Amino acid sequence: LNTVWNTAVEELKIQDTNFKVLYGTLQVISLLVQKLNYSVDRYYKQIVFVALKTLGDTRIVSRNEYMNVFRQLMRIVGPQKVLDLVIGHLKHKNSRVREDVLNIITAAMLTHPRKDFSIPDLCFVVAPFLADNKKRVRHAALELFAVFDYCLDTGKKQPLMKAIDRVELTGDMEGLMAAVQARRARHILPRLSADGMVEYALVIPKPGQRRRPQLGSGADLDWVLNGGRVNSARSLRAELDSNGLNGYGSLGSLTDDLPLHRRTVSAGKGKNKLPWERSNLTVNLQPSMHLGLKITLHSLLHSLKICLTPC
């Protein structure tokens, strides 16, 4: 079976630079996952390996398609098994790939119960990317940490705090904790769009665009824009003066595990589930996208069917 799949992958030419071939291939893989359903558990590692090669594409339709592949795989085999294979690409030299991986984790956590994840481990894995040299990666990581904070129960946030402290201290990133505090003070989480893409709650102004009043200011926004090159503590003090750092309310307290000299806020209710429902997964395979493919879905399924048939 592995031989059949590996041969199919080579013939699919997943790394083809032609957009129609790439997009059509992603659609084929997405439909293949749907057709195999729970039988895909035997092939999910190979499928993840192939899908990872497509990360970093700047075209929204391609991003939607490979995110759809990951969502379907997580639905069938479980999110943590897929993330264990995906997380290694956080070290990819392409910042767009790192950003995509962070968004895959965020989408998974907004879709599946928190019990399906090893959140403390994820905190330590993701924390270094709060200080990434690319602002899009810092932005994605900061939004993900807001979700981590939400999912960790009151009294169990120590891994999150330790992960931030480690990056701030070992990386000489003074102001990172203030940025995370300011982000959680906005009382809102990222969400999933109708097509399953991550929509950030913290909106970053585009280059040359003036900050709109509704965007506000603060250490989180400054951190995303400038990294450790700004005095985030100063921004946090300004935010405290205008809004007050009252925590997430129903989203719980980030600082409940800290010593008394740190600010402690009360936690609320409503932490049993995330506020967004799972989105329906659909794949519309466009015939025009089949041009250039060396193997069709029919032949691929036929090959798999032959190998799955008992002798």
C-alpha atoms as a PDB file:
ATOM      1  CA  LEU A   1       0.000   0.000   0.000  1.00  0.00           C
ATOM      2  CA  ASN A   2       2.817   2.409   0.811  1.00  0.00           C
ATOM      3  CA  THR A   3       4.364   1.676  -2.588  1.00  0.00           C
ATOM      4  CA  VAL A   4       1.095   2.490  -4.333  1.00  0.00           C
ATOM      5  CA  TRP A   5       0.722   5.737  -2.419  1.00  0.00           C
ATOM      6  CA  ASN A   6       4.323   6.842  -2.951  1.00  0.00           C
ATOM      7  CA  THR A   7       4.019   6.150  -6.665  1.00  0.00           C
ATOM      8  CA  ALA A   8       0.800   8.125  -6.810  1.00  0.00           C
ATOM      9  CA  VAL A   9       2.400  11.060  -5.029  1.00  0.00           C
ATOM     10  CA  GLU A  10       5.259  11.172  -7.515  1.00  0.00           C
ATOM     11  CA  GLU A  11       2.866  11.123 -10.446  1.00  0.00           C
ATOM     12  CA  LEU A  12       0.677  13.824  -8.902  1.00  0.00           C
ATOM     13  CA  LYS A  13       3.659  16.219  -9.081  1.00  0.00           C
ATOM     14  CA  ILE A  14       2.513  18.136  -6.019  1.00  0.00           C
ATOM     15  CA  GLN A  15       5.342  20.654  -6.382  1.00  0.00           C
ATOM     16  CA  ASP A  16       4.415  21.606  -9.924  1.00  0.00           C
ATOM     17  CA  THR A  17       4.739  25.367 -10.335  1.00  0.00           C
ATOM     18  CA  ASN A  18       1.708  25.527 -12.601  1.00  0.00           C
ATOM     19  CA  PHE A  19      -1.135  26.929 -10.498  1.00  0.00           C
ATOM     20  CA  LYS A  20      -3.881  24.878 -12.140  1.00  0.00           C
ATOM     21  CA  VAL A  21      -1.941  21.676 -11.645  1.00  0.00           C
ATOM     22  CA  LEU A  22      -1.168  22.506  -8.007  1.00  0.00           C
ATOM     23  CA  TYR A  23      -4.729  23.536  -7.210  1.00  0.00           C
ATOM     24  CA  GLY A  24      -6.246  20.572  -9.036  1.00  0.00           C
ATOM     25  CA  THR A  25      -3.899  18.233  -7.192  1.00  0.00           C
ATOM     26  CA  LEU A  26      -4.940  19.654  -3.827  1.00  0.00           C
ATOM     27  CA  GLN A  27      -8.570  19.126  -4.777  1.00  0.00           C
ATOM     28  CA  VAL A  28      -7.839  15.526  -5.734  1.00  0.00           C
ATOM     29  CA  ILE A  29      -6.154  14.880  -2.375  1.00  0.00           C
ATOM     30  CA  SER A  30      -9.021  16.553  -0.515  1.00  0.00           C
ATOM     31  CA  LEU A  31     -11.583  14.403  -2.299  1.00  0.00           C
ATOM     32  CA  LEU A  32      -9.446  11.323  -1.784  1.00  0.00           C
ATOM     33  CA  VAL A  33      -9.457  11.931   1.988  1.00  0.00           C
ATOM     34  CA  GLN A  34     -13.250  12.219   1.889  1.00  0.00           C
ATOM     35  CA  LYS A  35     -13.631   9.011  -0.112  1.00  0.00           C
ATOM     36  CA  LEU A  36     -11.287   6.997   2.085  1.00  0.00           C
ATOM     37  CA  ASN A  37     -12.904   8.405   5.241  1.00  0.00           C
ATOM     38  CA  TYR A  38     -11.714   6.367   8.239  1.00  0.00           C
ATOM     39  CA  SER A  39      -9.534   4.170   6.035  1.00  0.00           C
ATOM     40  CA  VAL A  40      -7.343   7.238   5.606  1.00  0.00           C
ATOM     41  CA  ASP A  41      -5.835   6.494   9.022  1.00  0.00           C
ATOM     42  CA  ARG A  42      -3.473   4.098   7.213  1.00  0.00           C
ATOM     43  CA  TYR A  43      -2.252   6.836   4.878  1.00  0.00           C
ATOM     44  CA  TYR A  44      -2.519  10.083   6.842  1.00  0.00           C
ATOM     45  CA  LYS A  45       1.237  10.414   7.422  1.00  0.00           C
ATOM     46  CA  GLN A  46       1.927  10.258   3.695  1.00  0.00           C
ATOM     47  CA  ILE A  47      -0.903  12.694   2.972  1.00  0.00           C
ATOM     48  CA  VAL A  48       0.360  15.164   5.583  1.00  0.00           C
ATOM     49  CA  PHE A  49       3.868  14.875   4.146  1.00  0.00           C
ATOM     50  CA  VAL A  50       2.561  15.796   0.698  1.00  0.00           C
ATOM     51  CA  ALA A  51       0.270  18.589   1.911  1.00  0.00           C
ATOM     52  CA  LEU A  52       3.116  20.191   3.872  1.00  0.00           C
ATOM     53  CA  LYS A  53       4.941  20.794   0.594  1.00  0.00           C
ATOM     54  CA  THR A  54       2.198  23.177  -0.495  1.00  0.00           C
ATOM     55  CA  LEU A  55       2.356  25.458   2.568  1.00  0.00           C
ATOM     56  CA  GLY A  56       3.386  29.061   2.083  1.00  0.00           C
ATOM     57  CA  ASP A  57       1.436  29.678  -1.114  1.00  0.00           C
ATOM     58  CA  THR A  58       0.257  33.291  -1.263  1.00  0.00           C
ATOM     59  CA  ARG A  59      -2.896  32.582  -3.289  1.00  0.00           C
ATOM     60  CA  ILE A  60      -5.994  32.428  -1.125  1.00  0.00           C
ATOM     61  CA  VAL A  61      -7.638  29.593  -3.100  1.00  0.00           C
ATOM     62  CA  SER A  62      -4.600  27.369  -2.621  1.00  0.00           C
ATOM     63  CA  ARG A  63      -4.431  28.220   1.078  1.00  0.00           C
ATOM     64  CA  ASN A  64      -8.111  27.376   1.481  1.00  0.00           C
ATOM     65  CA  GLU A  65      -7.599  24.028  -0.208  1.00  0.00           C
ATOM     66  CA  TYR A  66      -4.625  22.797   1.792  1.00  0.00           C
ATOM     67  CA  MET A  67      -6.174  24.043   5.017  1.00  0.00           C
ATOM     68  CA  ASN A  68      -9.219  21.995   4.059  1.00  0.00           C
ATOM     69  CA  VAL A  69      -7.036  18.883   3.678  1.00  0.00           C
ATOM     70  CA  PHE A  70      -5.633  19.347   7.189  1.00  0.00           C
ATOM     71  CA  ARG A  71      -9.095  19.970   8.671  1.00  0.00           C
ATOM     72  CA  GLN A  72     -10.448  16.771   7.170  1.00  0.00           C
ATOM     73  CA  LEU A  73      -7.504  14.718   8.368  1.00  0.00           C
ATOM     74  CA  MET A  74      -7.879  16.081  11.905  1.00  0.00           C
ATOM     75  CA  ARG A  75     -11.568  15.266  11.886  1.00  0.00           C
ATOM     76  CA  ILE A  76     -10.836  11.642  11.034  1.00  0.00           C
ATOM     77  CA  VAL A  77      -7.574  10.755  12.817  1.00  0.00           C
ATOM     78  CA  GLY A  78      -7.598  13.407  15.547  1.00  0.00           C
ATOM     79  CA  PRO A  79      -5.886  16.817  15.685  1.00  0.00           C
ATOM     80  CA  GLN A  80      -2.869  16.012  17.840  1.00  0.00           C
ATOM     81  CA  LYS A  81      -1.689  13.185  15.561  1.00  0.00           C
ATOM     82  CA  VAL A  82      -1.712  15.585  12.619  1.00  0.00           C
ATOM     83  CA  LEU A  83      -0.113  18.445  14.558  1.00  0.00           C
ATOM     84  CA  ASP A  84       2.723  16.162  15.683  1.00  0.00           C
ATOM     85  CA  LEU A  85       3.676  15.887  12.008  1.00  0.00           C
ATOM     86  CA  VAL A  86       3.051  19.545  11.163  1.00  0.00           C
ATOM     87  CA  ILE A  87       4.885  21.260  14.018  1.00  0.00           C
ATOM     88  CA  GLY A  88       8.328  20.444  12.641  1.00  0.00           C
ATOM     89  CA  HIS A  89       7.699  22.951   9.841  1.00  0.00           C
ATOM     90  CA  LEU A  90       7.677  25.795  12.368  1.00  0.00           C
ATOM     91  CA  LYS A  91      11.441  25.831  11.766  1.00  0.00           C
ATOM     92  CA  HIS A  92      11.001  26.270   8.025  1.00  0.00           C
ATOM     93  CA  LYS A  93      13.085  29.086   6.520  1.00  0.00           C
ATOM     94  CA  ASN A  94      10.029  30.456   4.683  1.00  0.00           C
ATOM     95  CA  SER A  95       8.102  32.700   7.091  1.00  0.00           C
ATOM     96  CA  ARG A  96       4.863  32.063   5.178  1.00  0.00           C
ATOM     97  CA  VAL A  97       5.179  28.381   6.007  1.00  0.00           C
ATOM     98  CA  ARG A  98       5.737  29.169   9.684  1.00  0.00           C
ATOM     99  CA  GLU A  99       2.673  31.399   9.631  1.00  0.00           C
ATOM    100  CA  ASP A 100       0.583  28.670   7.990  1.00  0.00           C
ATOM    101  CA  VAL A 101       1.617  26.100  10.589  1.00  0.00           C
ATOM    102  CA  LEU A 102       0.594  28.439  13.414  1.00  0.00           C
ATOM    103  CA  ASN A 103      -2.756  29.002  11.729  1.00  0.00           C
ATOM    104  CA  ILE A 104      -3.262  25.254  11.311  1.00  0.00           C
ATOM    105  CA  ILE A 105      -2.787  24.862  15.073  1.00  0.00           C
ATOM    106  CA  THR A 106      -5.156  27.763  15.779  1.00  0.00           C
ATOM    107  CA  ALA A 107      -7.831  26.383  13.453  1.00  0.00           C
ATOM    108  CA  ALA A 108      -7.530  22.972  15.109  1.00  0.00           C
ATOM    109  CA  MET A 109      -7.964  24.403  18.602  1.00  0.00           C
ATOM    110  CA  LEU A 110     -10.975  26.445  17.529  1.00  0.00           C
ATOM    111  CA  THR A 111     -12.584  23.317  16.103  1.00  0.00           C
ATOM    112  CA  HIS A 112     -11.796  20.433  18.465  1.00  0.00           C
ATOM    113  CA  PRO A 113     -12.226  19.959  22.240  1.00  0.00           C
ATOM    114  CA  ARG A 114      -9.245  21.070  24.271  1.00  0.00           C
ATOM    115  CA  LYS A 115      -8.877  17.564  25.727  1.00  0.00           C
ATOM    116  CA  ASP A 116      -7.678  16.455  22.287  1.00  0.00           C
ATOM    117  CA  PHE A 117      -4.485  18.515  22.629  1.00  0.00           C
ATOM    118  CA  SER A 118      -1.336  18.570  24.714  1.00  0.00           C
ATOM    119  CA  ILE A 119      -1.620  22.312  25.348  1.00  0.00           C
ATOM    120  CA  PRO A 120       1.309  22.666  27.796  1.00  0.00           C
ATOM    121  CA  ASP A 121       3.637  21.124  25.213  1.00  0.00           C
ATOM    122  CA  LEU A 122       2.225  23.337  22.474  1.00  0.00           C
ATOM    123  CA  CYS A 123       2.879  26.440  24.605  1.00  0.00           C
ATOM    124  CA  PHE A 124       6.603  25.700  24.753  1.00  0.00           C
ATOM    125  CA  VAL A 125       6.752  24.822  21.057  1.00  0.00           C
ATOM    126  CA  VAL A 126       4.967  27.978  19.890  1.00  0.00           C
ATOM    127  CA  ALA A 127       6.392  30.520  22.375  1.00  0.00           C
ATOM    128  CA  PRO A 128       9.667  31.193  20.485  1.00  0.00           C
ATOM    129  CA  PHE A 129       7.670  32.372  17.495  1.00  0.00           C
ATOM    130  CA  LEU A 130       6.196  35.201  19.532  1.00  0.00           C
ATOM    131  CA  ALA A 131       9.657  36.703  18.958  1.00  0.00           C
ATOM    132  CA  ASP A 132      10.005  35.708  15.292  1.00  0.00           C
ATOM    133  CA  ASN A 133      11.739  38.217  13.048  1.00  0.00           C
ATOM    134  CA  LYS A 134       8.667  38.419  10.783  1.00  0.00           C
ATOM    135  CA  LYS A 135       5.644  40.351  12.011  1.00  0.00           C
ATOM    136  CA  ARG A 136       3.126  38.032  10.317  1.00  0.00           C
ATOM    137  CA  VAL A 137       4.548  35.128  12.303  1.00  0.00           C
ATOM    138  CA  ARG A 138       4.545  37.138  15.562  1.00  0.00           C
ATOM    139  CA  HIS A 139       0.930  38.089  14.852  1.00  0.00           C
ATOM    140  CA  ALA A 140      -0.149  34.477  14.268  1.00  0.00           C
ATOM    141  CA  ALA A 141       1.670  33.300  17.404  1.00  0.00           C
ATOM    142  CA  LEU A 142       0.142  36.032  19.572  1.00  0.00           C
ATOM    143  CA  GLU A 143      -3.368  35.111  18.418  1.00  0.00           C
ATOM    144  CA  LEU A 144      -2.653  31.458  19.118  1.00  0.00           C
ATOM    145  CA  PHE A 145      -1.484  32.275  22.639  1.00  0.00           C
ATOM    146  CA  ALA A 146      -4.822  33.989  23.265  1.00  0.00           C
ATOM    147  CA  VAL A 147      -6.457  30.635  22.441  1.00  0.00           C
ATOM    148  CA  PHE A 148      -4.019  28.766  24.705  1.00  0.00           C
ATOM    149  CA  ASP A 149      -4.951  31.091  27.564  1.00  0.00           C
ATOM    150  CA  TYR A 150      -8.635  30.463  26.946  1.00  0.00           C
ATOM    151  CA  CYS A 151      -8.240  26.681  26.893  1.00  0.00           C
ATOM    152  CA  LEU A 152      -6.134  26.346  30.038  1.00  0.00           C
ATOM    153  CA  ASP A 153      -8.188  26.180  33.206  1.00  0.00           C
ATOM    154  CA  THR A 154      -7.725  28.541  36.096  1.00  0.00           C
ATOM    155  CA  GLY A 155      -4.823  27.276  38.174  1.00  0.00           C
ATOM    156  CA  LYS A 156      -3.273  25.421  35.232  1.00  0.00           C
ATOM    157  CA  LYS A 157      -1.678  28.265  33.317  1.00  0.00           C
ATOM    158  CA  GLN A 158       1.855  27.777  34.606  1.00  0.00           C
ATOM    159  CA  PRO A 159       3.139  26.142  31.381  1.00  0.00           C
ATOM    160  CA  LEU A 160       1.964  29.164  29.400  1.00  0.00           C
ATOM    161  CA  MET A 161       3.627  31.620  31.761  1.00  0.00           C
ATOM    162  CA  LYS A 162       6.864  29.638  31.901  1.00  0.00           C
ATOM    163  CA  ALA A 163       7.004  29.410  28.119  1.00  0.00           C
ATOM    164  CA  ILE A 164       6.673  33.198  27.781  1.00  0.00           C
ATOM    165  CA  ASP A 165       9.184  33.855  30.553  1.00  0.00           C
ATOM    166  CA  ARG A 166      11.714  31.537  28.943  1.00  0.00           C
ATOM    167  CA  VAL A 167      11.546  33.391  25.620  1.00  0.00           C
ATOM    168  CA  GLU A 168      11.586  36.802  27.276  1.00  0.00           C
ATOM    169  CA  LEU A 169      14.595  36.004  29.454  1.00  0.00           C
ATOM    170  CA  THR A 170      16.743  33.769  27.252  1.00  0.00           C
ATOM    171  CA  GLY A 171      16.051  35.787  24.114  1.00  0.00           C
ATOM    172  CA  ASP A 172      16.448  39.198  25.753  1.00  0.00           C
ATOM    173  CA  MET A 173      12.910  40.049  24.628  1.00  0.00           C
ATOM    174  CA  GLU A 174      11.837  42.472  27.331  1.00  0.00           C
ATOM    175  CA  GLY A 175       8.230  43.494  26.845  1.00  0.00           C
ATOM    176  CA  LEU A 176       6.932  40.179  25.525  1.00  0.00           C
ATOM    177  CA  MET A 177       4.931  39.447  28.673  1.00  0.00           C
ATOM    178  CA  ALA A 178       3.432  42.928  28.505  1.00  0.00           C
ATOM    179  CA  ALA A 179       2.428  42.286  24.893  1.00  0.00           C
ATOM    180  CA  VAL A 180       0.684  39.014  25.795  1.00  0.00           C
ATOM    181  CA  GLN A 181      -1.086  40.736  28.691  1.00  0.00           C
ATOM    182  CA  ALA A 182      -2.258  43.534  26.404  1.00  0.00           C
ATOM    183  CA  ARG A 183      -3.541  41.023  23.837  1.00  0.00           C
ATOM    184  CA  ARG A 184      -5.659  39.183  26.375  1.00  0.00           C
ATOM    185  CA  ALA A 185      -7.036  42.466  27.694  1.00  0.00           C
ATOM    186  CA  ARG A 186      -8.889  42.903  24.395  1.00  0.00           C
ATOM    187  CA  HIS A 187     -11.459  40.299  25.537  1.00  0.00           C
ATOM    188  CA  ILE A 188     -11.739  38.606  22.134  1.00  0.00           C
ATOM    189  CA  LEU A 189     -10.397  35.492  20.432  1.00  0.00           C
ATOM    190  CA  PRO A 190      -9.612  34.770  16.790  1.00  0.00           C
ATOM    191  CA  ARG A 191     -12.363  32.956  14.960  1.00  0.00           C
ATOM    192  CA  LEU A 192     -12.941  30.758  11.932  1.00  0.00           C
ATOM    193  CA  SER A 193     -14.518  32.137   8.780  1.00  0.00           C
ATOM    194  CA  ALA A 194     -17.242  30.315   6.893  1.00  0.00           C
ATOM    195  CA  ASP A 195     -14.619  28.516   4.799  1.00  0.00           C
ATOM    196  CA  GLY A 196     -12.587  27.521   7.846  1.00  0.00           C
ATOM    197  CA  MET A 197      -9.810  30.111   7.618  1.00  0.00           C
ATOM    198  CA  VAL A 198      -8.476  31.831  10.738  1.00  0.00           C
ATOM    199  CA  GLU A 199      -9.561  35.438  11.222  1.00  0.00           C
ATOM    200  CA  TYR A 200      -7.453  37.356  13.719  1.00  0.00           C
ATOM    201  CA  ALA A 201      -9.104  39.454  16.402  1.00  0.00           C
ATOM    202  CA  LEU A 202      -6.133  41.828  16.591  1.00  0.00           C
ATOM    203  CA  VAL A 203      -6.190  43.877  13.390  1.00  0.00           C
ATOM    204  CA  ILE A 204      -2.861  45.218  12.203  1.00  0.00           C
ATOM    205  CA  PRO A 205      -2.841  48.387  10.056  1.00  0.00           C
ATOM    206  CA  LYS A 206      -1.325  47.975   6.620  1.00  0.00           C
ATOM    207  CA  PRO A 207       1.947  49.718   5.748  1.00  0.00           C
ATOM    208  CA  GLY A 208       1.339  53.442   5.344  1.00  0.00           C
ATOM    209  CA  GLN A 209      -2.120  53.188   6.896  1.00  0.00           C
ATOM    210  CA  ARG A 210      -2.849  55.310   9.932  1.00  0.00           C
ATOM    211  CA  ARG A 211      -4.128  53.507  12.997  1.00  0.00           C
ATOM    212  CA  ARG A 212      -7.867  53.834  13.241  1.00  0.00           C
ATOM    213  CA  PRO A 213      -9.265  54.696  16.677  1.00  0.00           C
ATOM    214  CA  GLN A 214     -11.143  51.389  16.859  1.00  0.00           C
ATOM    215  CA  LEU A 215      -7.858  49.503  16.500  1.00  0.00           C
ATOM    216  CA  GLY A 216      -6.607  51.136  19.656  1.00  0.00           C
ATOM    217  CA  SER A 217      -2.993  50.874  20.709  1.00  0.00           C
ATOM    218  CA  GLY A 218      -1.042  48.868  23.179  1.00  0.00           C
ATOM    219  CA  ALA A 219       1.906  46.617  23.781  1.00  0.00           C
ATOM    220  CA  ASP A 220       0.437  43.795  21.677  1.00  0.00           C
ATOM    221  CA  LEU A 221       0.033  45.935  18.576  1.00  0.00           C
ATOM    222  CA  ASP A 222       3.474  47.488  19.029  1.00  0.00           C
ATOM    223  CA  TRP A 223       5.008  44.066  19.544  1.00  0.00           C
ATOM    224  CA  VAL A 224       3.567  42.673  16.332  1.00  0.00           C
ATOM    225  CA  LEU A 225       4.679  45.718  14.356  1.00  0.00           C
ATOM    226  CA  ASN A 226       8.125  46.152  15.871  1.00  0.00           C
ATOM    227  CA  GLY A 227       9.018  43.057  17.873  1.00  0.00           C
ATOM    228  CA  GLY A 228      11.319  43.776  20.808  1.00  0.00           C
ATOM    229  CA  ARG A 229      12.409  47.132  19.412  1.00  0.00           C
ATOM    230  CA  VAL A 230       9.808  49.142  21.314  1.00  0.00           C
ATOM    231  CA  ASN A 231       9.127  49.799  24.950  1.00  0.00           C
ATOM    232  CA  SER A 232       6.107  47.542  25.265  1.00  0.00           C
ATOM    233  CA  ALA A 233       5.768  48.293  28.953  1.00  0.00           C
ATOM    234  CA  ARG A 234       5.130  51.951  28.124  1.00  0.00           C
ATOM    235  CA  SER A 235       2.353  50.949  25.731  1.00  0.00           C
ATOM    236  CA  LEU A 236       0.851  48.669  28.368  1.00  0.00           C
ATOM    237  CA  ARG A 237       0.756  51.508  30.899  1.00  0.00           C
ATOM    238  CA  ALA A 238      -1.063  53.687  28.379  1.00  0.00           C
ATOM    239  CA  GLU A 239      -3.585  50.904  27.810  1.00  0.00           C
ATOM    240  CA  LEU A 240      -4.093  50.430  31.541  1.00  0.00           C
ATOM    241  CA  ASP A 241      -4.858  54.124  31.893  1.00  0.00           C
ATOM    242  CA  SER A 242      -7.496  54.046  29.159  1.00  0.00           C
ATOM    243  CA  ASN A 243      -9.060  50.585  29.427  1.00  0.00           C
ATOM    244  CA  GLY A 244      -7.791  48.819  32.529  1.00  0.00           C
ATOM    245  CA  LEU A 245      -6.274  45.354  32.422  1.00  0.00           C
ATOM    246  CA  ASN A 246      -9.206  43.313  33.647  1.00  0.00           C
ATOM    247  CA  GLY A 247      -8.446  40.043  31.891  1.00  0.00           C
ATOM    248  CA  TYR A 248     -10.658  38.085  29.551  1.00  0.00           C
ATOM    249  CA  GLY A 249     -13.636  37.959  31.877  1.00  0.00           C
ATOM    250  CA  SER A 250     -15.272  34.718  30.819  1.00  0.00           C
ATOM    251  CA  LEU A 251     -12.031  33.698  29.134  1.00  0.00           C
ATOM    252  CA  GLY A 252     -10.223  33.223  32.433  1.00  0.00           C
ATOM    253  CA  SER A 253      -7.073  34.653  33.940  1.00  0.00           C
ATOM    254  CA  LEU A 254      -3.648  34.515  32.416  1.00  0.00           C
ATOM    255  CA  THR A 255      -1.914  35.452  35.655  1.00  0.00           C
ATOM    256  CA  ASP A 256      -3.637  33.204  38.165  1.00  0.00           C
ATOM    257  CA  ASP A 257      -0.491  31.105  38.635  1.00  0.00           C
ATOM    258  CA  LEU A 258       1.874  33.995  39.279  1.00  0.00           C
ATOM    259  CA  PRO A 259       3.315  35.080  42.624  1.00  0.00           C
ATOM    260  CA  LEU A 260       1.504  37.815  44.512  1.00  0.00           C
ATOM    261  CA  HIS A 261       3.718  40.574  43.184  1.00  0.00           C
ATOM    262  CA  ARG A 262       2.200  40.045  39.763  1.00  0.00           C
ATOM    263  CA  ARG A 263      -1.240  41.303  38.868  1.00  0.00           C
ATOM    264  CA  THR A 264      -3.950  38.719  39.533  1.00  0.00           C
ATOM    265  CA  VAL A 265      -7.442  38.871  38.082  1.00  0.00           C
ATOM    266  CA  SER A 266     -10.529  36.767  38.649  1.00  0.00           C
ATOM    267  CA  ALA A 267     -11.665  34.058  36.288  1.00  0.00           C
ATOM    268  CA  GLY A 268     -15.176  33.653  35.016  1.00  0.00           C
ATOM    269  CA  LYS A 269     -17.373  30.949  33.622  1.00  0.00           C
ATOM    270  CA  GLY A 270     -18.117  29.559  30.213  1.00  0.00           C
ATOM    271  CA  LYS A 271     -14.849  27.682  29.562  1.00  0.00           C
ATOM    272  CA  ASN A 272     -16.399  24.333  28.658  1.00  0.00           C
ATOM    273  CA  LYS A 273     -16.309  24.854  24.913  1.00  0.00           C
ATOM    274  CA  LEU A 274     -15.231  27.274  22.257  1.00  0.00           C
ATOM    275  CA  PRO A 275     -17.877  29.630  20.888  1.00  0.00           C
ATOM    276  CA  TRP A 276     -17.648  28.538  17.293  1.00  0.00           C
ATOM    277  CA  GLU A 277     -19.095  25.380  15.779  1.00  0.00           C
ATOM    278  CA  ARG A 278     -17.285  23.142  13.396  1.00  0.00           C
ATOM    279  CA  SER A 279     -17.572  24.240   9.835  1.00  0.00           C
ATOM    280  CA  ASN A 280     -18.879  21.879   7.162  1.00  0.00           C
ATOM    281  CA  LEU A 281     -16.225  20.609   4.803  1.00  0.00           C
ATOM    282  CA  THR A 282     -16.974  20.628   1.101  1.00  0.00           C
ATOM    283  CA  VAL A 283     -14.840  20.037  -1.936  1.00  0.00           C
ATOM    284  CA  ASN A 284     -15.909  21.204  -5.382  1.00  0.00           C
ATOM    285  CA  LEU A 285     -13.619  19.533  -7.873  1.00  0.00           C
ATOM    286  CA  GLN A 286     -13.432  21.682 -10.972  1.00  0.00           C
ATOM    287  CA  PRO A 287     -12.910  19.717 -14.220  1.00  0.00           C
ATOM    288  CA  SER A 288     -10.731  22.454 -15.681  1.00  0.00           C
ATOM    289  CA  MET A 289      -8.195  21.960 -12.925  1.00  0.00           C
ATOM    290  CA  HIS A 290      -7.529  18.385 -14.044  1.00  0.00           C
ATOM    291  CA  LEU A 291      -5.477  19.611 -17.021  1.00  0.00           C
ATOM    292  CA  GLY A 292      -1.843  18.697 -16.615  1.00  0.00           C
ATOM    293  CA  LEU A 293      -2.389  16.013 -13.966  1.00  0.00           C
ATOM    294  CA  LYS A 294      -0.657  12.744 -14.808  1.00  0.00           C
ATOM    295  CA  ILE A 295      -2.993  10.675 -12.663  1.00  0.00           C
ATOM    296  CA  THR A 296      -6.723  11.068 -12.082  1.00  0.00           C
ATOM    297  CA  LEU A 297      -8.713  10.519  -8.918  1.00  0.00           C
ATOM    298  CA  HIS A 298     -10.379   7.537 -10.575  1.00  0.00           C
ATOM    299  CA  SER A 299      -7.133   5.771 -11.340  1.00  0.00           C
ATOM    300  CA  LEU A 300      -5.722   6.554  -7.903  1.00  0.00           C
ATOM    301  CA  LEU A 301      -8.767   5.161  -6.130  1.00  0.00           C
ATOM    302  CA  HIS A 302      -8.735   2.187  -8.483  1.00  0.00           C
ATOM    303  CA  SER A 303      -5.109   1.444  -7.569  1.00  0.00           C
ATOM    304  CA  LEU A 304      -5.879   1.666  -3.878  1.00  0.00           C
ATOM    305  CA  LYS A 305      -8.959  -0.541  -4.346  1.00  0.00           C
ATOM    306  CA  ILE A 306      -6.871  -3.223  -6.024  1.00  0.00           C
ATOM    307  CA  CYS A 307      -4.406  -3.289  -3.119  1.00  0.00           C
ATOM    308  CA  LEU A 308      -7.135  -3.294  -0.515  1.00  0.00           C
ATOM    309  CA  THR A 309      -8.927  -6.265  -2.134  1.00  0.00           C
ATOM    310  CA  PRO A 310      -8.005  -9.553  -0.384  1.00  0.00           C
ATOM    311  CA  CYS A 311      -6.147 -12.024  -2.543  1.00  0.00           C
END
